[in-house]
Amino acid sequence: MSTDRFADYGRPRKVDGGLRARSARGAIGRSWWSRRFLEVLESFALGTRLTRGRSYARAGQVLRLDIAPGRVTAQVQGSRPRPYEVSIALAAFPAALWTRIEDELAGQAFFSARLLAGDLPDELEELFVAAGAPLFPAAVDELTQRCNCPDFAVPCKHLAATFYLLAEAFDADPFELLHWRGRSRADLLDRLRARRAEATGAATPPGPSTPDAPASVVDAVDVLPPVGAARALAGLAATPLAEAVDRFWAAPVPLPDRPPRLATGPDLLLRQLGPPAPAIGGPGLLERLRRAYRAFGPG
């Protein structure tokens, strides 16, 4: 091996203005979707390899991170003058599959309301699985990982740093996860609004992505078709109270079932918080707590 090749494993060049992970210590990722993404990667036995890039992510060595349907690209500064080019590919869902998913989402007010409010409920993962479109890869070979550095390990520290910054990008904007799978925030919300309007017979409200919309149109963005109880009661005739006393507290229409929540292990909280500080026991205390949670948990 040449001396020049050994230089690739030296200290990375310092970067000004790089993308720095917000987490300075402990686990990276706060939301369920970012933690779930990292847990999936760790389940592929990538955990020890991922830690190689954590210091890169926290030092701001990632210069650029771009998320597009089916592909994430990044530039990561290593020890050489020229930054390394990183690519992580995951197949985007085809249009027909997205249409089926959007029909499922629009058909349940719970999902529509949460998505239109800018949130990804944790039940969303199960809906995607049931539709035959798992949000997260099921096997490591579904991810195509490429870096032009000389390190033969996959993931190398440049790929690992990109994974960590990608998880934090999901924290900042959960819709980036759906964008990676083929549907941007603007497109998804516009389609959901259109389907909701079709279901209620209302005019489709313009989405926030409408260019150069006048003030009156922008104000109309917040005027959405009725949802929940208002949607269920919209077509019912008013009944005098005296004629409905016996059924006053009963539901006027059958209530939809709430989507089931994902089953989680008793140590979920520990996995989200990360290991405690060394002063109070560190990883050893974490493992003892994990065993205790499992012993006292359901089962």
C-alpha atoms as a PDB file:
ATOM      1  CA  MET A   1       0.000   0.000   0.000  1.00  0.00           C
ATOM      2  CA  SER A   2       1.408   3.361  -0.959  1.00  0.00           C
ATOM      3  CA  THR A   3       2.184   6.197   1.456  1.00  0.00           C
ATOM      4  CA  ASP A   4      -0.385   8.321  -0.363  1.00  0.00           C
ATOM      5  CA  ARG A   5      -3.109   5.787   0.404  1.00  0.00           C
ATOM      6  CA  PHE A   6      -2.294   5.898   4.149  1.00  0.00           C
ATOM      7  CA  ALA A   7      -2.883   9.652   4.010  1.00  0.00           C
ATOM      8  CA  ASP A   8      -6.557   8.992   3.291  1.00  0.00           C
ATOM      9  CA  TYR A   9      -6.973   7.680   6.824  1.00  0.00           C
ATOM     10  CA  GLY A  10      -5.385  10.690   8.517  1.00  0.00           C
ATOM     11  CA  ARG A  11      -7.127  13.570  10.247  1.00  0.00           C
ATOM     12  CA  PRO A  12      -9.795  15.238   8.103  1.00  0.00           C
ATOM     13  CA  ARG A  13      -9.291  18.777   6.915  1.00  0.00           C
ATOM     14  CA  LYS A  14     -11.153  21.340   8.960  1.00  0.00           C
ATOM     15  CA  VAL A  15     -14.262  22.797   7.356  1.00  0.00           C
ATOM     16  CA  ASP A  16     -15.857  26.220   7.780  1.00  0.00           C
ATOM     17  CA  GLY A  17     -19.609  26.365   7.345  1.00  0.00           C
ATOM     18  CA  GLY A  18     -20.216  22.620   7.032  1.00  0.00           C
ATOM     19  CA  LEU A  19     -23.448  20.887   8.046  1.00  0.00           C
ATOM     20  CA  ARG A  20     -22.960  20.097  11.718  1.00  0.00           C
ATOM     21  CA  ALA A  21     -25.112  17.600  13.613  1.00  0.00           C
ATOM     22  CA  ARG A  22     -27.189  19.345  16.278  1.00  0.00           C
ATOM     23  CA  SER A  23     -26.593  16.547  18.783  1.00  0.00           C
ATOM     24  CA  ALA A  24     -23.240  17.076  20.518  1.00  0.00           C
ATOM     25  CA  ARG A  25     -23.348  13.806  22.485  1.00  0.00           C
ATOM     26  CA  GLY A  26     -25.443  10.678  22.917  1.00  0.00           C
ATOM     27  CA  ALA A  27     -27.920   9.443  20.346  1.00  0.00           C
ATOM     28  CA  ILE A  28     -28.566  11.323  17.118  1.00  0.00           C
ATOM     29  CA  GLY A  29     -32.184  11.755  16.048  1.00  0.00           C
ATOM     30  CA  ARG A  30     -35.132  12.958  18.147  1.00  0.00           C
ATOM     31  CA  SER A  31     -38.286  12.042  16.207  1.00  0.00           C
ATOM     32  CA  TRP A  32     -39.690   8.565  15.728  1.00  0.00           C
ATOM     33  CA  TRP A  33     -38.922   8.569  12.004  1.00  0.00           C
ATOM     34  CA  SER A  34     -35.241   9.527  12.389  1.00  0.00           C
ATOM     35  CA  ARG A  35     -34.693   7.082  15.278  1.00  0.00           C
ATOM     36  CA  ARG A  36     -36.516   4.352  13.352  1.00  0.00           C
ATOM     37  CA  PHE A  37     -34.318   5.007  10.321  1.00  0.00           C
ATOM     38  CA  LEU A  38     -31.140   4.633  12.378  1.00  0.00           C
ATOM     39  CA  GLU A  39     -32.510   1.559  14.166  1.00  0.00           C
ATOM     40  CA  VAL A  40     -33.157  -0.074  10.785  1.00  0.00           C
ATOM     41  CA  LEU A  41     -29.565   0.639   9.741  1.00  0.00           C
ATOM     42  CA  GLU A  42     -28.275  -0.759  13.032  1.00  0.00           C
ATOM     43  CA  SER A  43     -30.371  -3.902  12.495  1.00  0.00           C
ATOM     44  CA  PHE A  44     -28.309  -4.524   9.340  1.00  0.00           C
ATOM     45  CA  ALA A  45     -25.241  -4.869  11.611  1.00  0.00           C
ATOM     46  CA  LEU A  46     -24.103  -1.401  10.548  1.00  0.00           C
ATOM     47  CA  GLY A  47     -24.098  -0.019  14.097  1.00  0.00           C
ATOM     48  CA  THR A  48     -20.339  -0.195  14.697  1.00  0.00           C
ATOM     49  CA  ARG A  49     -19.611   1.057  11.195  1.00  0.00           C
ATOM     50  CA  LEU A  50     -22.018   3.958  11.595  1.00  0.00           C
ATOM     51  CA  THR A  51     -20.197   5.215  14.684  1.00  0.00           C
ATOM     52  CA  ARG A  52     -17.133   5.862  12.522  1.00  0.00           C
ATOM     53  CA  GLY A  53     -18.946   8.782  10.911  1.00  0.00           C
ATOM     54  CA  ARG A  54     -20.511  10.287  14.032  1.00  0.00           C
ATOM     55  CA  SER A  55     -17.504  12.516  14.749  1.00  0.00           C
ATOM     56  CA  TYR A  56     -17.513  13.621  11.085  1.00  0.00           C
ATOM     57  CA  ALA A  57     -21.192  14.568  11.347  1.00  0.00           C
ATOM     58  CA  ARG A  58     -20.643  16.508  14.574  1.00  0.00           C
ATOM     59  CA  ALA A  59     -17.516  18.241  13.296  1.00  0.00           C
ATOM     60  CA  GLY A  60     -19.350  19.637  10.247  1.00  0.00           C
ATOM     61  CA  GLN A  61     -17.404  17.619   7.653  1.00  0.00           C
ATOM     62  CA  VAL A  62     -20.509  17.212   5.470  1.00  0.00           C
ATOM     63  CA  LEU A  63     -20.462  20.140   3.044  1.00  0.00           C
ATOM     64  CA  ARG A  64     -23.711  19.464   1.201  1.00  0.00           C
ATOM     65  CA  LEU A  65     -26.699  17.139   1.548  1.00  0.00           C
ATOM     66  CA  ASP A  66     -29.396  16.881  -1.131  1.00  0.00           C
ATOM     67  CA  ILE A  67     -32.482  14.664  -0.994  1.00  0.00           C
ATOM     68  CA  ALA A  68     -34.270  13.746  -4.214  1.00  0.00           C
ATOM     69  CA  PRO A  69     -36.698  10.943  -5.123  1.00  0.00           C
ATOM     70  CA  GLY A  70     -34.731   7.705  -4.899  1.00  0.00           C
ATOM     71  CA  ARG A  71     -31.349   9.262  -4.146  1.00  0.00           C
ATOM     72  CA  VAL A  72     -29.472  11.194  -1.479  1.00  0.00           C
ATOM     73  CA  THR A  73     -26.206  12.863  -2.494  1.00  0.00           C
ATOM     74  CA  ALA A  74     -23.623  14.568  -0.332  1.00  0.00           C
ATOM     75  CA  GLN A  75     -20.123  16.002  -0.313  1.00  0.00           C
ATOM     76  CA  VAL A  76     -17.973  15.063   2.672  1.00  0.00           C
ATOM     77  CA  GLN A  77     -14.579  16.581   3.416  1.00  0.00           C
ATOM     78  CA  GLY A  78     -11.943  14.012   4.364  1.00  0.00           C
ATOM     79  CA  SER A  79      -8.185  14.247   4.605  1.00  0.00           C
ATOM     80  CA  ARG A  80      -7.646  14.931   0.888  1.00  0.00           C
ATOM     81  CA  PRO A  81      -8.109  18.412  -0.609  1.00  0.00           C
ATOM     82  CA  ARG A  82     -11.062  17.398  -2.773  1.00  0.00           C
ATOM     83  CA  PRO A  83     -14.273  16.425  -0.907  1.00  0.00           C
ATOM     84  CA  TYR A  84     -15.603  12.923  -1.447  1.00  0.00           C
ATOM     85  CA  GLU A  85     -18.812  12.375  -3.405  1.00  0.00           C
ATOM     86  CA  VAL A  86     -21.370  10.249  -1.563  1.00  0.00           C
ATOM     87  CA  SER A  87     -24.563   8.698  -2.929  1.00  0.00           C
ATOM     88  CA  ILE A  88     -27.229   6.636  -1.129  1.00  0.00           C
ATOM     89  CA  ALA A  89     -29.967   5.258  -3.392  1.00  0.00           C
ATOM     90  CA  LEU A  90     -33.285   3.764  -2.248  1.00  0.00           C
ATOM     91  CA  ALA A  91     -35.946   2.994  -4.849  1.00  0.00           C
ATOM     92  CA  ALA A  92     -38.749   5.565  -5.036  1.00  0.00           C
ATOM     93  CA  PHE A  93     -42.298   4.212  -5.104  1.00  0.00           C
ATOM     94  CA  PRO A  94     -43.882   4.186  -8.590  1.00  0.00           C
ATOM     95  CA  ALA A  95     -46.689   6.629  -9.357  1.00  0.00           C
ATOM     96  CA  ALA A  96     -49.424   3.961  -9.260  1.00  0.00           C
ATOM     97  CA  LEU A  97     -48.351   2.902  -5.774  1.00  0.00           C
ATOM     98  CA  TRP A  98     -48.314   6.493  -4.547  1.00  0.00           C
ATOM     99  CA  THR A  99     -51.843   6.951  -5.912  1.00  0.00           C
ATOM    100  CA  ARG A 100     -53.028   3.998  -3.826  1.00  0.00           C
ATOM    101  CA  ILE A 101     -51.254   5.343  -0.738  1.00  0.00           C
ATOM    102  CA  GLU A 102     -52.774   8.802  -1.214  1.00  0.00           C
ATOM    103  CA  ASP A 103     -56.244   7.258  -1.497  1.00  0.00           C
ATOM    104  CA  GLU A 104     -55.634   5.458   1.808  1.00  0.00           C
ATOM    105  CA  LEU A 105     -54.379   8.641   3.486  1.00  0.00           C
ATOM    106  CA  ALA A 106     -57.238  10.792   2.187  1.00  0.00           C
ATOM    107  CA  GLY A 107     -59.784   8.191   3.266  1.00  0.00           C
ATOM    108  CA  GLN A 108     -58.876   8.548   6.944  1.00  0.00           C
ATOM    109  CA  ALA A 109     -59.342  11.976   8.511  1.00  0.00           C
ATOM    110  CA  PHE A 110     -56.789  11.121  11.204  1.00  0.00           C
ATOM    111  CA  PHE A 111     -53.956  10.871   8.673  1.00  0.00           C
ATOM    112  CA  SER A 112     -55.130  13.763   6.513  1.00  0.00           C
ATOM    113  CA  ALA A 113     -55.359  16.142   9.465  1.00  0.00           C
ATOM    114  CA  ARG A 114     -51.962  15.192  10.856  1.00  0.00           C
ATOM    115  CA  LEU A 115     -50.199  15.398   7.490  1.00  0.00           C
ATOM    116  CA  LEU A 116     -51.809  18.714   6.592  1.00  0.00           C
ATOM    117  CA  ALA A 117     -50.629  19.969   9.993  1.00  0.00           C
ATOM    118  CA  GLY A 118     -47.049  19.046   9.034  1.00  0.00           C
ATOM    119  CA  ASP A 119     -46.717  15.910  11.191  1.00  0.00           C
ATOM    120  CA  LEU A 120     -45.998  12.258  10.432  1.00  0.00           C
ATOM    121  CA  PRO A 121     -47.922  10.134  12.966  1.00  0.00           C
ATOM    122  CA  ASP A 122     -46.167   6.951  14.044  1.00  0.00           C
ATOM    123  CA  GLU A 123     -49.117   4.895  12.720  1.00  0.00           C
ATOM    124  CA  LEU A 124     -48.080   6.025   9.230  1.00  0.00           C
ATOM    125  CA  GLU A 125     -45.409   3.329   9.006  1.00  0.00           C
ATOM    126  CA  GLU A 126     -48.011   0.575   9.407  1.00  0.00           C
ATOM    127  CA  LEU A 127     -50.249   2.115   6.749  1.00  0.00           C
ATOM    128  CA  PHE A 128     -47.372   2.135   4.257  1.00  0.00           C
ATOM    129  CA  VAL A 129     -46.510  -1.472   5.112  1.00  0.00           C
ATOM    130  CA  ALA A 130     -50.138  -2.538   4.619  1.00  0.00           C
ATOM    131  CA  ALA A 131     -50.136  -0.783   1.221  1.00  0.00           C
ATOM    132  CA  GLY A 132     -47.102  -2.823   0.161  1.00  0.00           C
ATOM    133  CA  ALA A 133     -44.760   0.179   0.367  1.00  0.00           C
ATOM    134  CA  PRO A 134     -42.574  -0.015   3.496  1.00  0.00           C
ATOM    135  CA  LEU A 135     -41.090   3.400   4.266  1.00  0.00           C
ATOM    136  CA  PHE A 136     -37.809   1.913   5.470  1.00  0.00           C
ATOM    137  CA  PRO A 137     -35.612  -0.624   3.690  1.00  0.00           C
ATOM    138  CA  ALA A 138     -36.114  -4.244   4.743  1.00  0.00           C
ATOM    139  CA  ALA A 139     -32.588  -5.346   3.841  1.00  0.00           C
ATOM    140  CA  VAL A 140     -29.264  -3.633   3.416  1.00  0.00           C
ATOM    141  CA  ASP A 141     -29.095  -4.557  -0.274  1.00  0.00           C
ATOM    142  CA  GLU A 142     -32.059  -2.220  -0.912  1.00  0.00           C
ATOM    143  CA  LEU A 143     -29.616   0.630  -0.278  1.00  0.00           C
ATOM    144  CA  THR A 144     -27.012   1.367  -2.936  1.00  0.00           C
ATOM    145  CA  GLN A 145     -24.154   3.076  -1.077  1.00  0.00           C
ATOM    146  CA  ARG A 146     -21.344   4.721  -3.023  1.00  0.00           C
ATOM    147  CA  CYS A 147     -18.391   6.892  -2.029  1.00  0.00           C
ATOM    148  CA  ASN A 148     -15.334   7.662  -4.127  1.00  0.00           C
ATOM    149  CA  CYS A 149     -12.939   7.475  -1.177  1.00  0.00           C
ATOM    150  CA  PRO A 150     -10.301   4.705  -1.082  1.00  0.00           C
ATOM    151  CA  ASP A 151     -11.805   3.001   1.990  1.00  0.00           C
ATOM    152  CA  PHE A 152     -13.161  -0.443   1.076  1.00  0.00           C
ATOM    153  CA  ALA A 153     -15.588  -0.602   4.049  1.00  0.00           C
ATOM    154  CA  VAL A 154     -19.286  -0.009   3.394  1.00  0.00           C
ATOM    155  CA  PRO A 155     -20.385   2.230   4.880  1.00  0.00           C
ATOM    156  CA  CYS A 156     -17.157   4.201   5.120  1.00  0.00           C
ATOM    157  CA  LYS A 157     -17.054   7.116   7.562  1.00  0.00           C
ATOM    158  CA  HIS A 158     -18.166   9.507   4.826  1.00  0.00           C
ATOM    159  CA  LEU A 159     -21.285   7.442   4.105  1.00  0.00           C
ATOM    160  CA  ALA A 160     -21.876   7.023   7.850  1.00  0.00           C
ATOM    161  CA  ALA A 161     -21.690  10.783   8.414  1.00  0.00           C
ATOM    162  CA  THR A 162     -24.231  11.240   5.621  1.00  0.00           C
ATOM    163  CA  PHE A 163     -26.593   8.738   7.257  1.00  0.00           C
ATOM    164  CA  TYR A 164     -26.462  10.698  10.530  1.00  0.00           C
ATOM    165  CA  LEU A 165     -27.080  14.043   8.812  1.00  0.00           C
ATOM    166  CA  LEU A 166     -29.893  12.418   6.833  1.00  0.00           C
ATOM    167  CA  ALA A 167     -31.538  11.306  10.100  1.00  0.00           C
ATOM    168  CA  GLU A 168     -31.320  14.871  11.400  1.00  0.00           C
ATOM    169  CA  ALA A 169     -32.786  16.137   8.116  1.00  0.00           C
ATOM    170  CA  PHE A 170     -35.793  13.892   8.839  1.00  0.00           C
ATOM    171  CA  ASP A 171     -36.003  15.552  12.271  1.00  0.00           C
ATOM    172  CA  ALA A 172     -36.048  19.015  10.720  1.00  0.00           C
ATOM    173  CA  ASP A 173     -38.582  18.108   8.024  1.00  0.00           C
ATOM    174  CA  PRO A 174     -40.276  14.696   8.275  1.00  0.00           C
ATOM    175  CA  PHE A 175     -41.590  15.050   4.729  1.00  0.00           C
ATOM    176  CA  GLU A 176     -38.027  14.594   3.453  1.00  0.00           C
ATOM    177  CA  LEU A 177     -38.442  10.878   4.198  1.00  0.00           C
ATOM    178  CA  LEU A 178     -41.470  10.771   1.888  1.00  0.00           C
ATOM    179  CA  HIS A 179     -39.604  12.912  -0.652  1.00  0.00           C
ATOM    180  CA  TRP A 180     -36.821  10.298  -0.736  1.00  0.00           C
ATOM    181  CA  ARG A 181     -39.513   7.716  -1.461  1.00  0.00           C
ATOM    182  CA  GLY A 182     -40.853   9.723  -4.380  1.00  0.00           C
ATOM    183  CA  ARG A 183     -43.353  12.359  -3.249  1.00  0.00           C
ATOM    184  CA  SER A 184     -42.497  15.909  -2.190  1.00  0.00           C
ATOM    185  CA  ARG A 185     -44.352  17.713   0.589  1.00  0.00           C
ATOM    186  CA  ALA A 186     -46.069  20.140  -1.810  1.00  0.00           C
ATOM    187  CA  ASP A 187     -47.205  17.405  -4.211  1.00  0.00           C
ATOM    188  CA  LEU A 188     -48.464  15.115  -1.451  1.00  0.00           C
ATOM    189  CA  LEU A 189     -50.440  17.817   0.369  1.00  0.00           C
ATOM    190  CA  ASP A 190     -51.914  19.195  -2.861  1.00  0.00           C
ATOM    191  CA  ARG A 191     -53.095  15.691  -3.806  1.00  0.00           C
ATOM    192  CA  LEU A 192     -54.571  15.087  -0.361  1.00  0.00           C
ATOM    193  CA  ARG A 193     -56.453  18.397  -0.513  1.00  0.00           C
ATOM    194  CA  ALA A 194     -57.819  17.487  -3.940  1.00  0.00           C
ATOM    195  CA  ARG A 195     -59.014  14.059  -2.759  1.00  0.00           C
ATOM    196  CA  ARG A 196     -60.632  15.545   0.346  1.00  0.00           C
ATOM    197  CA  ALA A 197     -62.413  18.107  -1.812  1.00  0.00           C
ATOM    198  CA  GLU A 198     -63.667  15.370  -4.170  1.00  0.00           C
ATOM    199  CA  ALA A 199     -64.988  13.354  -1.225  1.00  0.00           C
ATOM    200  CA  THR A 200     -66.932  16.303   0.204  1.00  0.00           C
ATOM    201  CA  GLY A 201     -67.971  17.940  -3.065  1.00  0.00           C
ATOM    202  CA  ALA A 202     -66.175  21.152  -2.101  1.00  0.00           C
ATOM    203  CA  ALA A 203     -63.965  23.254  -4.345  1.00  0.00           C
ATOM    204  CA  THR A 204     -60.323  22.287  -4.166  1.00  0.00           C
ATOM    205  CA  PRO A 205     -58.488  24.849  -2.016  1.00  0.00           C
ATOM    206  CA  PRO A 206     -55.228  26.045  -3.573  1.00  0.00           C
ATOM    207  CA  GLY A 207     -52.081  24.700  -1.967  1.00  0.00           C
ATOM    208  CA  PRO A 208     -49.325  26.874  -0.547  1.00  0.00           C
ATOM    209  CA  SER A 209     -47.149  25.994  -3.540  1.00  0.00           C
ATOM    210  CA  THR A 210     -49.348  28.045  -5.913  1.00  0.00           C
ATOM    211  CA  PRO A 211     -47.000  30.696  -7.411  1.00  0.00           C
ATOM    212  CA  ASP A 212     -47.829  34.389  -7.310  1.00  0.00           C
ATOM    213  CA  ALA A 213     -51.188  33.820  -5.593  1.00  0.00           C
ATOM    214  CA  PRO A 214     -53.023  37.036  -4.577  1.00  0.00           C
ATOM    215  CA  ALA A 215     -53.646  37.681  -0.890  1.00  0.00           C
ATOM    216  CA  SER A 216     -57.278  36.533  -1.111  1.00  0.00           C
ATOM    217  CA  VAL A 217     -56.158  33.190  -2.553  1.00  0.00           C
ATOM    218  CA  VAL A 218     -53.406  32.726   0.027  1.00  0.00           C
ATOM    219  CA  ASP A 219     -55.934  33.352   2.797  1.00  0.00           C
ATOM    220  CA  ALA A 220     -58.148  30.639   1.308  1.00  0.00           C
ATOM    221  CA  VAL A 221     -55.435  28.029   1.860  1.00  0.00           C
ATOM    222  CA  ASP A 222     -56.576  27.640   5.458  1.00  0.00           C
ATOM    223  CA  VAL A 223     -60.221  27.070   4.436  1.00  0.00           C
ATOM    224  CA  LEU A 224     -60.357  23.270   4.227  1.00  0.00           C
ATOM    225  CA  PRO A 225     -63.312  20.926   3.711  1.00  0.00           C
ATOM    226  CA  PRO A 226     -64.959  19.713   6.956  1.00  0.00           C
ATOM    227  CA  VAL A 227     -63.263  16.774   8.653  1.00  0.00           C
ATOM    228  CA  GLY A 228     -64.001  14.484  11.566  1.00  0.00           C
ATOM    229  CA  ALA A 229     -67.371  15.068  13.256  1.00  0.00           C
ATOM    230  CA  ALA A 230     -68.195  18.056  11.032  1.00  0.00           C
ATOM    231  CA  ARG A 231     -67.796  15.905   7.931  1.00  0.00           C
ATOM    232  CA  ALA A 232     -69.893  13.079   9.422  1.00  0.00           C
ATOM    233  CA  LEU A 233     -72.726  15.420  10.472  1.00  0.00           C
ATOM    234  CA  ALA A 234     -72.739  17.628   7.371  1.00  0.00           C
ATOM    235  CA  GLY A 235     -75.425  15.647   5.541  1.00  0.00           C
ATOM    236  CA  LEU A 236     -77.734  14.997   8.512  1.00  0.00           C
ATOM    237  CA  ALA A 237     -80.984  16.894   8.959  1.00  0.00           C
ATOM    238  CA  ALA A 238     -81.441  18.808  12.221  1.00  0.00           C
ATOM    239  CA  THR A 239     -83.600  16.924  14.737  1.00  0.00           C
ATOM    240  CA  PRO A 240     -85.473  18.661  17.568  1.00  0.00           C
ATOM    241  CA  LEU A 241     -84.005  17.782  20.943  1.00  0.00           C
ATOM    242  CA  ALA A 242     -87.332  16.517  22.272  1.00  0.00           C
ATOM    243  CA  GLU A 243     -87.366  13.836  19.564  1.00  0.00           C
ATOM    244  CA  ALA A 244     -83.789  12.686  20.215  1.00  0.00           C
ATOM    245  CA  VAL A 245     -83.442  12.676  24.024  1.00  0.00           C
ATOM    246  CA  ASP A 246     -83.187   8.865  24.172  1.00  0.00           C
ATOM    247  CA  ARG A 247     -80.216   8.831  21.808  1.00  0.00           C
ATOM    248  CA  PHE A 248     -78.668  12.201  22.647  1.00  0.00           C
ATOM    249  CA  TRP A 249     -75.360  10.701  23.794  1.00  0.00           C
ATOM    250  CA  ALA A 250     -75.152   8.088  21.044  1.00  0.00           C
ATOM    251  CA  ALA A 251     -73.057   8.610  17.922  1.00  0.00           C
ATOM    252  CA  PRO A 252     -75.302   9.712  15.009  1.00  0.00           C
ATOM    253  CA  VAL A 253     -73.172   7.723  12.550  1.00  0.00           C
ATOM    254  CA  PRO A 254     -70.823   4.754  13.008  1.00  0.00           C
ATOM    255  CA  LEU A 255     -67.431   5.941  14.182  1.00  0.00           C
ATOM    256  CA  PRO A 256     -64.367   4.830  12.193  1.00  0.00           C
ATOM    257  CA  ASP A 257     -61.798   2.692  13.929  1.00  0.00           C
ATOM    258  CA  ARG A 258     -58.644   4.508  14.946  1.00  0.00           C
ATOM    259  CA  PRO A 259     -55.633   3.054  13.139  1.00  0.00           C
ATOM    260  CA  PRO A 260     -53.786   0.657  15.448  1.00  0.00           C
ATOM    261  CA  ARG A 261     -50.609   1.908  17.035  1.00  0.00           C
ATOM    262  CA  LEU A 262     -47.355   0.116  16.395  1.00  0.00           C
ATOM    263  CA  ALA A 263     -46.371  -2.447  18.986  1.00  0.00           C
ATOM    264  CA  THR A 264     -43.213  -1.306  20.748  1.00  0.00           C
ATOM    265  CA  GLY A 265     -40.832  -2.994  23.129  1.00  0.00           C
ATOM    266  CA  PRO A 266     -40.719  -2.026  26.802  1.00  0.00           C
ATOM    267  CA  ASP A 267     -37.271  -0.466  26.347  1.00  0.00           C
ATOM    268  CA  LEU A 268     -38.344   2.014  23.642  1.00  0.00           C
ATOM    269  CA  LEU A 269     -37.774   5.020  25.919  1.00  0.00           C
ATOM    270  CA  LEU A 270     -34.240   3.885  26.704  1.00  0.00           C
ATOM    271  CA  ARG A 271     -33.440   3.542  23.005  1.00  0.00           C
ATOM    272  CA  GLN A 272     -34.722   7.048  22.322  1.00  0.00           C
ATOM    273  CA  LEU A 273     -32.819   8.702  25.183  1.00  0.00           C
ATOM    274  CA  GLY A 274     -29.463   7.062  24.526  1.00  0.00           C
ATOM    275  CA  PRO A 275     -26.910   5.997  27.158  1.00  0.00           C
ATOM    276  CA  PRO A 276     -26.695   7.978  30.418  1.00  0.00           C
ATOM    277  CA  ALA A 277     -23.615   9.991  31.322  1.00  0.00           C
ATOM    278  CA  PRO A 278     -20.603   8.070  32.706  1.00  0.00           C
ATOM    279  CA  ALA A 279     -21.042   9.857  36.050  1.00  0.00           C
ATOM    280  CA  ILE A 280     -24.283   7.978  36.715  1.00  0.00           C
ATOM    281  CA  GLY A 281     -23.375   4.613  35.215  1.00  0.00           C
ATOM    282  CA  GLY A 282     -22.973   5.059  31.455  1.00  0.00           C
ATOM    283  CA  PRO A 283     -23.702   2.098  29.122  1.00  0.00           C
ATOM    284  CA  GLY A 284     -23.572  -0.344  32.048  1.00  0.00           C
ATOM    285  CA  LEU A 285     -26.521   1.345  33.742  1.00  0.00           C
ATOM    286  CA  LEU A 286     -28.363   1.438  30.416  1.00  0.00           C
ATOM    287  CA  GLU A 287     -28.028  -2.330  30.029  1.00  0.00           C
ATOM    288  CA  ARG A 288     -29.218  -2.969  33.598  1.00  0.00           C
ATOM    289  CA  LEU A 289     -32.237  -0.714  33.040  1.00  0.00           C
ATOM    290  CA  ARG A 290     -32.986  -2.472  29.754  1.00  0.00           C
ATOM    291  CA  ARG A 291     -33.052  -5.867  31.480  1.00  0.00           C
ATOM    292  CA  ALA A 292     -35.306  -4.453  34.202  1.00  0.00           C
ATOM    293  CA  TYR A 293     -37.723  -2.921  31.680  1.00  0.00           C
ATOM    294  CA  ARG A 294     -37.983  -6.254  29.872  1.00  0.00           C
ATOM    295  CA  ALA A 295     -38.472  -8.180  33.125  1.00  0.00           C
ATOM    296  CA  PHE A 296     -41.314  -5.927  34.319  1.00  0.00           C
ATOM    297  CA  GLY A 297     -42.806  -5.231  30.896  1.00  0.00           C
ATOM    298  CA  PRO A 298     -45.788  -7.031  29.340  1.00  0.00           C
ATOM    299  CA  GLY A 299     -45.250 -10.560  28.294  1.00  0.00           C
END
